[in-house]
Amino acid sequence: MKKYLWSLLLMAMFIAFAVPAAAVDVKFSGSYYAQGWYVDNPSGLDPGEKAGAASWNNNSRRGPNAFYGQRLRISPEFQIVEGLNLVTRFDAMEKRWGDQAWAGSTGETQSRTQMVDPANAGSNAQKTVKAQENIEWERAYLDFNVPFGKFQVGYMQYLTWGTAFLDTTLTAGGIRYYYNQGPWQVVAATEKRAEYVGLNANNIGIANDADRDVYDLGLTYKFAPGQAGILYQYMRSAQSKWQQANGYLTQLNGFYPYAQLTFGNFFIEAEGVYGTGTLRSYESTSTAASVGGTTPASNAQNVSLNAYGAFIHGKYDFKPAYVGAKFVYISGDDNSSSDKASGSILQSLQMNRNFYPTLMLWNDDYQSNLVNIQGNIPTDATGTNRRTGQSYAVNQSMDNVWFYQVYAGIKPMPKLDLKASFSIASADKTPKSDVGQTGQKGYYTGATVNEFVSSKYGNELDITGEYKIYDNLTYMIGMGYLWVGDYFKGYDNSAVIKDNYLLTHKLTLTF
């Protein structure tokens, strides 16, 4: 028996030494941040207003909010052989300090994450549904070279193109191809935003085509002063086609040209967007799509889209001081025509969440931690665009806006950067409760169309300071003051709004 075991051991050792070793090179990168917040009046409404006022029920966040939050992000990359990599990314411990809601108890003694059971919702709901809260894998894709370019396949980052304008670091499954020839680069991609299968058993067989797919074709050119490019994007969404009453298809085309140029100490960049196509193409226009609408027999009408946007940013570096200015225009939807939409679509397209023009208005960090800037904007259907489903509250996706900003900064030492900016913002189109003329019957509901009392979002002053403790460890402190505009009164001119300010500081490690 011992001889038999020794023979097996020797054979295993022989095979192990005879097989060539397959070494995998693993590289780790990532980041960690801890951020503290104090926000004086996140509601934008007067905290002193008496309970029972018309605006009282629209926002319960009347009063200051202070907390710390953090996130650990790790991006392991496995190089299998030269030219073949497996790229991954996950987030861990992304939460507020001391938050016990996920644990279902007063202490973090449970090893599992829980959330409210949808079947047992209510004030005394039990948190019995497990959720992935402390480790969340977001990306995993192959990156490999071929003789005619490079492919990426899997869950990867999309919605980043040209300048920071319109960017959202969205993760989606898909296939991307790059081809480089001298200063030219061609990129082609397909991405699967949604694979929809219906909400219940009654939809089986109906929702087979209820997907959301996006196709990209882009071209960039690099030259001495900078680079320029254009991206064409086609989006087909059948997520509402499964509706048994009267489903519809969405097909949109987007064109995104950009340029970035540097002339000595002067830097300028610009990006545009033109969106066109069919927002709603009904399977049958003989079926009612509204209640008491203005069209004959309230029949459904196909809705076309034509939307525009532009971004310009210029900066001059005096070293150690610098100055700059930003301008943004994005068309809103005037809701005047039942068969034509003119904007207010970026939230639905998941765009512009990582633009970060200010510390409060349209800032993803701010909105993700403190919810949207709601003010007196209704939280029911009258507080959203009836055709796009886009909330009228100010959220991460900058849209329907005229935006102007000037800023100046100084770097008194290489590791210290002090900056101040002032921004003015107003809506391109004043929101309405329904499609139609103000004071007349609405197309979708038949109720009287109301309009916001103002298009003015407000003005914001931001002051920030960043200091590099180490080359890869930065401490930031920021102060912002928002003069809240009458836009946040919503439909009620008697609502009382109040300004808001914040103090924040953030420790960021990158490696």
Protein backbone atom coordinates (compact mmCIF):
# COMPACT_ATOMS: atom_id res chain seq x y z
CA MET A 1 0.00 0.00 0.00
CA LYS A 2 2.83 2.38 0.92
CA LYS A 3 4.57 1.65 -2.38
CA TYR A 4 1.32 2.44 -4.21
CA LEU A 5 0.94 5.76 -2.39
CA TRP A 6 4.55 6.70 -3.03
CA SER A 7 4.11 5.89 -6.71
CA LEU A 8 1.06 8.17 -6.92
CA LEU A 9 2.94 10.95 -5.14
CA LEU A 10 5.95 10.67 -7.45
CA MET A 11 3.67 10.65 -10.50
CA ALA A 12 1.85 13.78 -9.28
CA MET A 13 5.16 15.55 -8.66
CA PHE A 14 6.39 14.56 -12.11
CA ILE A 15 3.25 15.94 -13.79
CA ALA A 16 3.40 19.15 -11.73
CA PHE A 17 6.98 19.86 -12.78
CA ALA A 18 6.41 18.79 -16.38
CA VAL A 19 3.42 21.10 -17.00
CA PRO A 20 4.50 24.68 -17.87
CA ALA A 21 3.64 27.23 -15.21
CA ALA A 22 0.85 29.69 -16.16
CA ALA A 23 1.58 32.87 -14.23
CA VAL A 24 -1.14 35.48 -13.89
CA ASP A 25 -0.07 39.05 -13.19
CA VAL A 26 -2.57 40.82 -10.90
CA LYS A 27 -2.67 44.60 -10.57
CA PHE A 28 -4.74 46.40 -7.97
CA SER A 29 -5.96 49.98 -8.16
CA GLY A 30 -8.78 51.78 -6.43
CA SER A 31 -9.82 54.47 -4.02
CA TYR A 32 -11.19 55.12 -0.55
CA TYR A 33 -12.96 58.21 0.73
CA ALA A 34 -14.53 59.36 3.96
CA GLN A 35 -16.71 62.48 3.70
CA GLY A 36 -18.48 64.59 6.29
CA TRP A 37 -21.56 66.70 5.54
CA TYR A 38 -23.52 69.46 7.22
CA VAL A 39 -26.48 70.70 5.15
CA ASP A 40 -28.56 73.43 6.73
CA ASN A 41 -31.80 73.32 4.70
CA PRO A 42 -31.89 70.49 2.13
CA SER A 43 -35.63 70.93 1.49
CA GLY A 44 -35.27 74.47 0.14
CA LEU A 45 -38.47 75.35 2.04
CA ASP A 46 -38.82 77.53 5.10
CA PRO A 47 -38.44 75.27 8.18
CA GLY A 48 -40.44 77.80 10.18
CA GLU A 49 -43.55 77.38 8.05
CA LYS A 50 -46.45 76.04 10.11
CA ALA A 51 -47.68 72.49 9.71
CA GLY A 52 -50.75 72.39 7.51
CA ALA A 53 -49.44 74.90 4.98
CA ALA A 54 -49.95 74.03 1.33
CA SER A 55 -46.29 73.07 0.88
CA TRP A 56 -45.87 71.15 4.15
CA ASN A 57 -46.53 67.64 2.83
CA ASN A 58 -44.31 67.93 -0.23
CA ASN A 59 -41.04 67.62 1.64
CA SER A 60 -40.47 66.29 5.13
CA ARG A 61 -36.75 67.14 5.24
CA ARG A 62 -37.29 70.44 7.05
CA GLY A 63 -34.16 71.03 9.06
CA PRO A 64 -30.40 70.44 8.97
CA ASN A 65 -28.72 67.13 8.28
CA ALA A 66 -25.22 66.10 9.37
CA PHE A 67 -23.47 62.77 8.81
CA TYR A 68 -20.35 60.95 7.57
CA GLY A 69 -20.16 58.52 4.69
CA GLN A 70 -17.49 56.39 3.06
CA ARG A 71 -16.73 54.04 0.18
CA LEU A 72 -13.95 51.59 -0.63
CA ARG A 73 -13.49 50.82 -4.34
CA ILE A 74 -11.12 48.08 -5.56
CA SER A 75 -10.29 47.41 -9.22
CA PRO A 76 -8.32 44.16 -9.66
CA GLU A 77 -6.98 43.56 -13.17
CA PHE A 78 -5.71 40.11 -14.16
CA GLN A 79 -3.24 39.95 -17.03
CA ILE A 80 -3.52 36.41 -18.38
CA VAL A 81 -0.98 36.89 -21.18
CA GLU A 82 0.31 39.93 -23.00
CA GLY A 83 -2.70 41.62 -24.63
CA LEU A 84 -5.34 39.63 -22.71
CA ASN A 85 -6.76 41.00 -19.45
CA LEU A 86 -9.71 40.36 -17.16
CA VAL A 87 -10.76 43.70 -15.63
CA THR A 88 -13.00 43.80 -12.55
CA ARG A 89 -14.26 46.31 -9.99
CA PHE A 90 -16.20 46.16 -6.74
CA ASP A 91 -17.34 48.59 -4.04
CA ALA A 92 -17.34 47.76 -0.33
CA MET A 93 -18.59 49.43 2.86
CA GLU A 94 -20.42 52.13 0.91
CA LYS A 95 -22.61 53.56 3.63
CA ARG A 96 -23.15 56.23 6.24
CA TRP A 97 -21.30 55.80 9.49
CA GLY A 98 -23.61 54.42 12.17
CA ASP A 99 -26.43 53.56 9.77
CA GLN A 100 -28.28 50.61 11.30
CA ALA A 101 -31.25 50.50 8.95
CA TRP A 102 -29.67 47.78 6.83
CA ALA A 103 -28.98 45.49 9.80
CA GLY A 104 -32.50 45.42 11.16
CA SER A 105 -31.28 46.04 14.70
CA THR A 106 -29.60 48.66 16.89
CA GLY A 107 -26.15 47.18 16.45
CA GLU A 108 -24.17 45.73 13.58
CA THR A 109 -24.32 42.24 15.02
CA GLN A 110 -26.02 40.57 12.08
CA SER A 111 -23.81 39.25 9.34
CA ARG A 112 -26.41 39.67 6.66
CA THR A 113 -27.82 42.79 5.01
CA GLN A 114 -31.59 43.22 5.06
CA MET A 115 -34.14 45.55 3.55
CA VAL A 116 -37.88 45.99 3.88
CA ASP A 117 -39.94 43.12 2.53
CA PRO A 118 -42.12 44.60 -0.28
CA ALA A 119 -44.95 42.28 0.76
CA ASN A 120 -44.87 43.69 4.28
CA ALA A 121 -44.41 47.41 3.62
CA GLY A 122 -45.51 49.94 6.18
CA SER A 123 -44.32 51.75 9.27
CA ASN A 124 -43.73 48.47 11.14
CA ALA A 125 -42.36 46.55 8.18
CA GLN A 126 -39.90 43.79 8.96
CA LYS A 127 -36.52 43.93 7.24
CA THR A 128 -36.45 40.34 6.06
CA VAL A 129 -35.16 40.52 2.51
CA LYS A 130 -31.44 40.04 2.07
CA ALA A 131 -29.63 42.66 0.00
CA GLN A 132 -26.05 42.98 -1.20
CA GLU A 133 -24.85 46.05 0.70
CA ASN A 134 -21.27 45.67 1.82
CA ILE A 135 -19.65 44.17 -1.28
CA GLU A 136 -21.05 44.92 -4.70
CA TRP A 137 -19.33 43.71 -7.85
CA GLU A 138 -19.98 46.20 -10.63
CA ARG A 139 -17.63 45.35 -13.47
CA ALA A 140 -16.11 42.26 -15.02
CA TYR A 141 -15.02 42.25 -18.64
CA LEU A 142 -12.39 40.87 -20.99
CA ASP A 143 -9.98 43.30 -22.64
CA PHE A 144 -7.98 41.72 -25.45
CA ASN A 145 -6.02 42.80 -28.51
CA VAL A 146 -6.51 41.35 -31.97
CA PRO A 147 -4.51 42.05 -35.15
CA PHE A 148 -7.15 44.55 -36.28
CA GLY A 149 -7.83 46.40 -33.01
CA LYS A 150 -9.05 45.71 -29.49
CA PHE A 151 -12.22 44.23 -27.98
CA GLN A 152 -13.84 44.62 -24.57
CA VAL A 153 -16.62 42.18 -23.63
CA GLY A 154 -18.66 42.08 -20.42
CA TYR A 155 -19.90 44.54 -17.82
CA MET A 156 -17.92 47.76 -18.28
CA GLN A 157 -18.17 51.54 -18.14
CA TYR A 158 -20.35 53.33 -20.67
CA LEU A 159 -21.71 56.85 -21.18
CA THR A 160 -18.37 58.65 -21.08
CA TRP A 161 -17.44 60.55 -24.23
CA GLY A 162 -15.57 63.71 -25.11
CA THR A 163 -15.75 66.25 -22.28
CA ALA A 164 -17.28 65.71 -18.84
CA PHE A 165 -20.55 67.17 -20.17
CA LEU A 166 -23.31 64.51 -20.36
CA ASP A 167 -21.05 61.88 -18.76
CA THR A 168 -22.37 59.19 -16.44
CA THR A 169 -20.06 56.40 -15.29
CA LEU A 170 -22.73 53.81 -16.03
CA THR A 171 -21.92 50.11 -15.83
CA ALA A 172 -23.69 47.96 -18.39
CA GLY A 173 -23.14 44.70 -20.23
CA GLY A 174 -21.98 44.94 -23.81
CA ILE A 175 -19.27 44.68 -26.45
CA ARG A 176 -16.90 47.50 -27.45
CA TYR A 177 -14.36 47.59 -30.29
CA TYR A 178 -11.46 50.04 -30.83
CA TYR A 179 -9.40 50.57 -33.96
CA ASN A 180 -6.44 52.98 -34.03
CA GLN A 181 -4.69 54.26 -37.12
CA GLY A 182 -2.22 57.08 -36.53
CA PRO A 183 -4.08 60.04 -34.97
CA TRP A 184 -7.48 58.46 -35.72
CA GLN A 185 -9.51 56.20 -33.47
CA VAL A 186 -12.76 54.44 -34.29
CA VAL A 187 -14.96 53.02 -31.55
CA ALA A 188 -18.05 50.86 -32.02
CA ALA A 189 -20.13 49.44 -29.20
CA THR A 190 -23.36 47.75 -28.29
CA GLU A 191 -24.76 47.83 -24.77
CA LYS A 192 -27.66 46.10 -23.09
CA ARG A 193 -29.29 48.58 -20.71
CA ALA A 194 -32.26 46.37 -19.82
CA GLU A 195 -33.50 42.83 -20.39
CA TYR A 196 -37.12 43.14 -19.37
CA VAL A 197 -39.34 40.10 -18.82
CA GLY A 198 -42.54 41.57 -17.41
CA LEU A 199 -43.81 42.00 -13.87
CA ASN A 200 -45.97 38.92 -13.41
CA ALA A 201 -47.05 35.67 -14.98
CA ASN A 202 -49.67 37.43 -17.10
CA ASN A 203 -46.89 39.11 -19.08
CA ILE A 204 -45.11 35.91 -20.10
CA GLY A 205 -44.89 35.84 -23.86
CA ILE A 206 -45.74 39.55 -24.12
CA ALA A 207 -42.48 40.98 -22.82
CA ASN A 208 -40.08 39.00 -25.00
CA ASP A 209 -39.13 42.14 -26.93
CA ALA A 210 -39.16 44.50 -23.95
CA ASP A 211 -35.43 45.26 -24.02
CA ARG A 212 -33.40 48.44 -24.05
CA ASP A 213 -30.40 48.42 -26.37
CA VAL A 214 -27.90 51.13 -27.29
CA TYR A 215 -25.48 51.19 -30.23
CA ASP A 216 -22.48 53.54 -30.54
CA LEU A 217 -20.24 54.56 -33.42
CA GLY A 218 -17.60 57.18 -32.73
CA LEU A 219 -14.59 58.79 -34.38
CA THR A 220 -11.84 60.88 -32.73
CA TYR A 221 -8.84 62.70 -34.18
CA LYS A 222 -5.81 63.91 -32.21
CA PHE A 223 -3.73 66.81 -33.49
CA ALA A 224 -1.15 69.29 -32.17
CA PRO A 225 -3.44 71.66 -30.16
CA GLY A 226 -5.79 68.91 -28.89
CA GLN A 227 -8.44 66.50 -30.11
CA ALA A 228 -11.92 66.41 -31.63
CA GLY A 229 -14.52 63.77 -32.34
CA ILE A 230 -18.13 62.87 -32.92
CA LEU A 231 -20.28 60.04 -31.59
CA TYR A 232 -23.48 58.69 -33.12
CA GLN A 233 -25.74 56.76 -30.77
CA TYR A 234 -28.93 54.83 -31.49
CA MET A 235 -31.17 53.78 -28.62
CA ARG A 236 -34.07 51.37 -28.97
CA SER A 237 -36.27 50.81 -25.93
CA ALA A 238 -39.22 48.43 -25.88
CA GLN A 239 -39.60 48.58 -22.11
CA SER A 240 -43.12 50.01 -22.51
CA LYS A 241 -44.03 47.90 -25.53
CA TRP A 242 -45.26 45.01 -23.37
CA GLN A 243 -48.12 47.06 -21.91
CA GLN A 244 -51.29 45.16 -22.58
CA ALA A 245 -53.47 48.27 -22.89
CA ASN A 246 -51.44 50.04 -25.55
CA GLY A 247 -47.68 49.63 -25.60
CA TYR A 248 -45.23 51.87 -27.43
CA LEU A 249 -41.68 51.76 -28.76
CA THR A 250 -38.95 54.40 -28.27
CA GLN A 251 -36.26 54.92 -30.92
CA LEU A 252 -33.84 57.84 -30.54
CA ASN A 253 -30.75 59.05 -32.39
CA GLY A 254 -28.07 61.15 -30.71
CA PHE A 255 -25.16 63.10 -32.20
CA TYR A 256 -22.37 64.28 -29.86
CA PRO A 257 -19.53 66.35 -31.39
CA TYR A 258 -16.75 67.69 -29.15
CA ALA A 259 -13.38 69.43 -29.25
CA GLN A 260 -10.65 70.15 -26.68
CA LEU A 261 -7.87 72.63 -27.51
CA THR A 262 -4.88 74.08 -25.66
CA PHE A 263 -3.05 77.23 -26.78
CA GLY A 264 -0.24 77.99 -24.36
CA ASN A 265 -1.88 78.76 -21.02
CA PHE A 266 -5.39 78.86 -22.48
CA PHE A 267 -7.60 75.77 -22.56
CA ILE A 268 -11.01 75.58 -24.21
CA GLU A 269 -13.41 72.71 -24.72
CA ALA A 270 -16.91 72.36 -26.12
CA GLU A 271 -19.46 69.63 -26.71
CA GLY A 272 -22.86 69.61 -28.35
CA VAL A 273 -25.81 67.25 -28.44
CA TYR A 274 -28.66 66.84 -30.87
CA GLY A 275 -31.30 64.22 -30.16
CA THR A 276 -34.03 63.23 -32.58
CA GLY A 277 -36.36 60.32 -33.17
CA THR A 278 -39.57 58.86 -31.85
CA LEU A 279 -40.20 59.14 -28.13
CA ARG A 280 -43.43 57.14 -28.35
CA SER A 281 -44.50 55.01 -31.30
CA TYR A 282 -47.76 53.30 -30.33
CA GLU A 283 -48.74 49.89 -31.59
CA SER A 284 -52.23 51.27 -32.18
CA THR A 285 -53.27 54.91 -32.42
CA SER A 286 -56.92 53.92 -32.29
CA THR A 287 -56.64 53.07 -28.60
CA ALA A 288 -56.97 55.75 -25.93
CA ALA A 289 -53.69 56.83 -24.33
CA SER A 290 -55.24 59.53 -22.17
CA VAL A 291 -58.30 60.35 -20.12
CA GLY A 292 -60.34 63.32 -21.33
CA GLY A 293 -57.58 64.52 -23.63
CA THR A 294 -57.88 67.18 -26.29
CA THR A 295 -57.35 64.91 -29.31
CA PRO A 296 -60.37 63.32 -31.02
CA ALA A 297 -61.68 60.43 -28.90
CA SER A 298 -58.56 60.81 -26.75
CA ASN A 299 -56.67 58.53 -29.10
CA ALA A 300 -52.97 57.88 -28.66
CA GLN A 301 -50.61 60.04 -30.68
CA ASN A 302 -47.07 59.18 -31.65
CA VAL A 303 -44.60 61.60 -30.07
CA SER A 304 -41.46 62.78 -31.87
CA LEU A 305 -38.40 64.31 -30.18
CA ASN A 306 -36.03 67.10 -31.17
CA ALA A 307 -33.70 68.18 -28.35
CA TYR A 308 -30.54 70.30 -28.26
CA GLY A 309 -27.70 71.06 -25.90
CA ALA A 310 -24.31 72.76 -25.76
CA PHE A 311 -21.41 73.10 -23.32
CA ILE A 312 -18.48 75.55 -23.48
CA HIS A 313 -15.65 75.81 -20.96
CA GLY A 314 -12.65 78.10 -21.11
CA LYS A 315 -9.77 78.36 -18.62
CA TYR A 316 -6.67 80.54 -18.49
CA ASP A 317 -3.80 79.55 -16.22
CA PHE A 318 -1.67 82.43 -14.89
CA LYS A 319 0.37 80.08 -12.66
CA PRO A 320 -0.17 80.12 -9.74
CA ALA A 321 -3.61 81.71 -10.31
CA TYR A 322 -6.24 80.69 -12.87
CA VAL A 323 -9.68 81.86 -14.04
CA GLY A 324 -12.40 80.20 -16.07
CA ALA A 325 -16.01 80.21 -17.19
CA LYS A 326 -18.61 77.57 -18.10
CA PHE A 327 -21.82 77.76 -20.09
CA VAL A 328 -24.48 75.06 -20.48
CA TYR A 329 -27.70 75.03 -22.44
CA ILE A 330 -30.00 71.99 -22.54
CA SER A 331 -33.45 72.27 -24.07
CA GLY A 332 -36.48 71.52 -21.94
CA ASP A 333 -39.89 70.22 -22.96
CA ASP A 334 -42.50 72.98 -23.26
CA ASN A 335 -45.35 70.42 -23.18
CA SER A 336 -47.37 72.51 -25.61
CA SER A 337 -47.87 69.86 -28.31
CA SER A 338 -49.28 66.37 -27.83
CA ASP A 339 -47.15 64.91 -30.65
CA LYS A 340 -43.84 66.79 -30.24
CA ALA A 341 -41.35 66.86 -27.34
CA SER A 342 -38.46 69.32 -27.21
CA GLY A 343 -36.30 68.02 -24.34
CA SER A 344 -36.27 66.98 -20.67
CA ILE A 345 -35.00 63.55 -21.64
CA LEU A 346 -31.50 63.19 -20.11
CA GLN A 347 -32.69 61.65 -16.84
CA SER A 348 -34.50 58.94 -18.80
CA LEU A 349 -31.35 58.38 -20.87
CA GLN A 350 -29.24 58.18 -17.66
CA MET A 351 -26.98 61.01 -18.86
CA ASN A 352 -25.11 63.89 -17.19
CA ARG A 353 -24.85 62.44 -13.67
CA ASN A 354 -21.08 62.98 -13.40
CA PHE A 355 -20.83 66.55 -14.63
CA TYR A 356 -20.51 68.09 -11.10
CA PRO A 357 -20.79 71.83 -11.94
CA THR A 358 -21.46 72.89 -8.30
CA LEU A 359 -21.50 71.49 -4.77
CA MET A 360 -25.32 71.32 -4.61
CA LEU A 361 -27.14 71.91 -7.90
CA TRP A 362 -26.83 68.79 -10.09
CA ASN A 363 -24.10 67.24 -7.95
CA ASP A 364 -24.24 63.44 -7.84
CA ASP A 365 -22.51 63.23 -4.44
CA TYR A 366 -24.98 65.69 -2.93
CA GLN A 367 -28.13 64.17 -4.46
CA SER A 368 -27.05 60.58 -3.75
CA ASN A 369 -26.54 61.37 -0.07
CA LEU A 370 -29.42 63.80 0.49
CA VAL A 371 -31.99 62.91 -2.20
CA ASN A 372 -33.21 65.42 -4.80
CA ILE A 373 -33.74 69.13 -4.17
CA GLN A 374 -37.51 68.88 -3.97
CA GLY A 375 -38.74 72.18 -2.57
CA ASN A 376 -42.50 72.51 -3.09
CA ILE A 377 -42.44 70.39 -6.27
CA PRO A 378 -45.14 67.69 -5.96
CA THR A 379 -43.99 64.12 -5.54
CA ASP A 380 -47.00 62.75 -7.46
CA ALA A 381 -47.44 62.57 -11.25
CA THR A 382 -47.86 66.36 -11.55
CA GLY A 383 -44.23 66.69 -10.43
CA THR A 384 -42.93 64.76 -13.44
CA ASN A 385 -42.89 65.12 -17.20
CA ARG A 386 -45.88 63.05 -18.40
CA ARG A 387 -44.07 61.76 -21.50
CA THR A 388 -40.52 61.13 -20.31
CA GLY A 389 -41.22 60.35 -16.65
CA GLN A 390 -38.48 62.81 -15.68
CA SER A 391 -38.84 64.34 -12.23
CA TYR A 392 -39.07 68.14 -12.05
CA ALA A 393 -37.01 68.08 -8.84
CA VAL A 394 -33.34 68.92 -9.30
CA ASN A 395 -31.37 65.68 -9.30
CA GLN A 396 -28.05 64.35 -10.60
CA SER A 397 -28.97 64.69 -14.28
CA MET A 398 -28.57 68.31 -15.31
CA ASP A 399 -31.30 69.10 -17.86
CA ASN A 400 -33.72 71.81 -19.02
CA VAL A 401 -31.29 74.57 -18.13
CA TRP A 402 -29.48 77.80 -18.92
CA PHE A 403 -26.36 77.69 -16.74
CA TYR A 404 -23.57 80.27 -16.35
CA GLN A 405 -20.53 79.96 -14.10
CA VAL A 406 -17.36 81.94 -13.47
CA TYR A 407 -14.56 80.68 -11.26
CA ALA A 408 -11.11 81.64 -10.07
CA GLY A 409 -8.44 79.83 -8.13
CA ILE A 410 -4.89 79.94 -6.94
CA LYS A 411 -2.21 77.40 -6.10
CA PRO A 412 0.02 79.18 -3.58
CA MET A 413 2.04 75.99 -3.27
CA PRO A 414 2.15 72.85 -5.44
CA LYS A 415 0.09 70.82 -2.97
CA LEU A 416 -2.62 73.41 -2.24
CA ASP A 417 -5.46 74.48 -4.56
CA LEU A 418 -8.00 77.16 -3.49
CA LYS A 419 -11.01 77.82 -5.73
CA ALA A 420 -14.22 79.90 -5.72
CA SER A 421 -17.09 79.78 -8.23
CA PHE A 422 -20.39 81.58 -8.73
CA SER A 423 -23.21 80.04 -10.77
CA ILE A 424 -26.54 81.30 -12.13
CA ALA A 425 -29.16 78.80 -13.33
CA SER A 426 -32.67 78.90 -14.73
CA ALA A 427 -34.94 76.47 -16.59
CA ASP A 428 -35.20 76.61 -20.36
CA LYS A 429 -38.90 75.67 -20.19
CA THR A 430 -41.16 76.16 -17.17
CA PRO A 431 -42.65 72.76 -16.19
CA LYS A 432 -46.34 71.96 -16.57
CA SER A 433 -48.63 69.46 -14.86
CA ASP A 434 -49.73 68.01 -18.21
CA VAL A 435 -49.32 68.42 -21.95
CA GLY A 436 -51.35 71.34 -23.28
CA GLN A 437 -51.90 75.06 -22.88
CA THR A 438 -51.86 76.49 -19.36
CA GLY A 439 -55.40 76.83 -18.01
CA GLN A 440 -56.82 74.40 -20.58
CA LYS A 441 -57.59 70.68 -20.34
CA GLY A 442 -54.49 68.46 -20.33
CA TYR A 443 -53.94 65.78 -22.95
CA TYR A 444 -53.18 62.89 -20.59
CA THR A 445 -55.50 63.63 -17.66
CA GLY A 446 -58.12 66.04 -18.86
CA ALA A 447 -57.45 68.15 -15.77
CA THR A 448 -56.57 71.84 -15.99
CA VAL A 449 -52.92 72.37 -16.94
CA ASN A 450 -50.94 74.23 -14.29
CA GLU A 451 -47.50 75.81 -14.76
CA PHE A 452 -44.63 76.50 -12.35
CA VAL A 453 -44.58 80.07 -11.03
CA SER A 454 -40.95 80.63 -12.10
CA SER A 455 -38.09 79.21 -14.15
CA LYS A 456 -35.34 80.44 -11.77
CA TYR A 457 -33.42 77.60 -10.11
CA GLY A 458 -31.24 80.01 -8.13
CA ASN A 459 -27.65 81.15 -7.69
CA GLU A 460 -24.86 79.26 -5.96
CA LEU A 461 -21.52 80.32 -4.47
CA ASP A 462 -18.96 77.56 -3.82
CA ILE A 463 -15.54 77.77 -2.16
CA THR A 464 -13.24 74.76 -1.98
CA GLY A 465 -9.72 74.02 -0.84
CA GLU A 466 -7.71 70.88 -1.62
CA TYR A 467 -4.43 69.89 -0.02
CA LYS A 468 -2.28 66.91 -0.97
CA ILE A 469 -1.10 65.29 2.25
CA TYR A 470 0.65 62.70 0.09
CA ASP A 471 0.72 62.41 -3.70
CA ASN A 472 -2.19 59.96 -3.48
CA LEU A 473 -3.95 61.27 -0.35
CA THR A 474 -5.98 64.49 -0.66
CA TYR A 475 -8.00 66.44 1.89
CA MET A 476 -10.77 68.72 0.64
CA ILE A 477 -12.93 71.21 2.49
CA GLY A 478 -15.86 72.91 0.80
CA MET A 479 -18.50 75.54 1.55
CA GLY A 480 -21.53 76.27 -0.59
CA TYR A 481 -24.43 78.72 -0.39
CA LEU A 482 -27.54 78.34 -2.55
CA TRP A 483 -29.91 81.26 -3.05
CA VAL A 484 -32.99 79.12 -3.70
CA GLY A 485 -35.01 80.33 -6.71
CA ASP A 486 -38.77 80.55 -7.09
CA TYR A 487 -38.67 77.46 -9.34
CA PHE A 488 -38.86 75.45 -6.12
CA LYS A 489 -42.23 76.98 -5.25
CA GLY A 490 -43.64 74.66 -7.87
CA TYR A 491 -47.19 75.59 -8.81
CA ASP A 492 -47.89 77.57 -5.61
CA ASN A 493 -46.61 81.15 -5.46
CA SER A 494 -47.57 81.33 -1.76
CA ALA A 495 -45.03 78.62 -0.82
CA VAL A 496 -42.22 80.00 1.33
CA ILE A 497 -38.72 79.03 0.22
CA LYS A 498 -35.47 79.54 2.11
CA ASP A 499 -31.80 79.51 1.15
CA ASN A 500 -29.53 76.57 1.90
CA TYR A 501 -25.84 76.19 2.72
CA LEU A 502 -23.49 73.28 3.27
CA LEU A 503 -20.13 72.51 4.82
CA THR A 504 -18.28 69.41 3.71
CA HIS A 505 -14.85 67.87 4.00
CA LYS A 506 -13.50 64.78 2.30
CA LEU A 507 -10.42 62.58 2.66
CA THR A 508 -9.62 60.70 -0.54
CA LEU A 509 -7.02 57.98 -1.12
CA THR A 510 -6.21 56.75 -4.61
CA PHE A 511 -3.82 53.93 -5.44
